Amino acid sequence: MSPKADASPTWNSVASRSLRLYHGPMRNDDHASNETIPVTIGENAYRRIRTDIVFGRLAPGQKLRLEKLRDTYDASISTLREILNRLSSEGLVVAEGQRGFEVAPVSVENLREIAALRILLETHALEQSFAAGDIEWEGRVVSAHHKLATLERRMREGDRSETELWKRYDWEFHQALISACGSRVLMDTHAGVFDKYLRYQMIALSFRGDIAAEEHRILHDCALERDAGQARDVLVRHIEGGVEHALATGTIR
């Protein structure tokens, strides 16, 4: 297939911005450069708190007391209040007026709603990306799948020591698939929804092993073959299967 003009110059900025999770001192995404990005204390604390919510270290319904957060995240009370209000607008924190803040609860109904929204956004973005992607896009997909497949193989062999890295690579693969869709707004919106879906997976400690790995392989192959129809069907099955597997653990009610 002849190379096309890349329809999505948004990948670098979205990949470095949309996964608003903390992985140590913040740097540009590997696809952009290796230079350190200046980050405020407030932004650093925001990403750390957000990461702890998404990965379940701050549990659903947990009270978020400003004094304790100040000691843990090294930010002022006023900065923390701004951060929690920001996370409240994202649906990850609940503001309780005079009673303060708590981590947003989880429910079966909410998980199904998030999954349905992810399917709506990601299938549309997938079709646009498959139609517009060029050889650079193919390279991103291949690279992201290689990293994900490597971690999935280790996990199937019983090594669960890098669960969070596995989910980062999962995120990167799905973002790579849609990275040529041409819409920064679509990718940003999808990234936020994906993080909420990821939160449920982490709470349920949900890993589907060979089934998920095979679905990822098919999505990778479909991308290189530009088979958007099959990819869409596999993606829907992939997301819905993840929901049912997470619910089967009994950790989400």
Foldseek 3Di string as FASTA:
>chain_A
DAFFDQLFPCLQVCLLPQLLADDDQRAGDPVPDGDGDDDDLLSNLLRHVLNCLLLQVQPAFHADDQVVSCVVSVDDSVSVVVSQVVVVVLVQKDQDVPVGIGGHHFALVVLVVLLVVLLVLLLLLLLLCLVRPGVVLLVQLVVLLVQLLVVLVVVLVPDCPPVVVNVSSVLSNSCSSSNRNNDSVSSSVSSSSVSNNSSLCSQLVFDPRPLLNVLSVVLSVCSVVSVSPVNSVSVSVNSVVSSVRSVVSVRHD
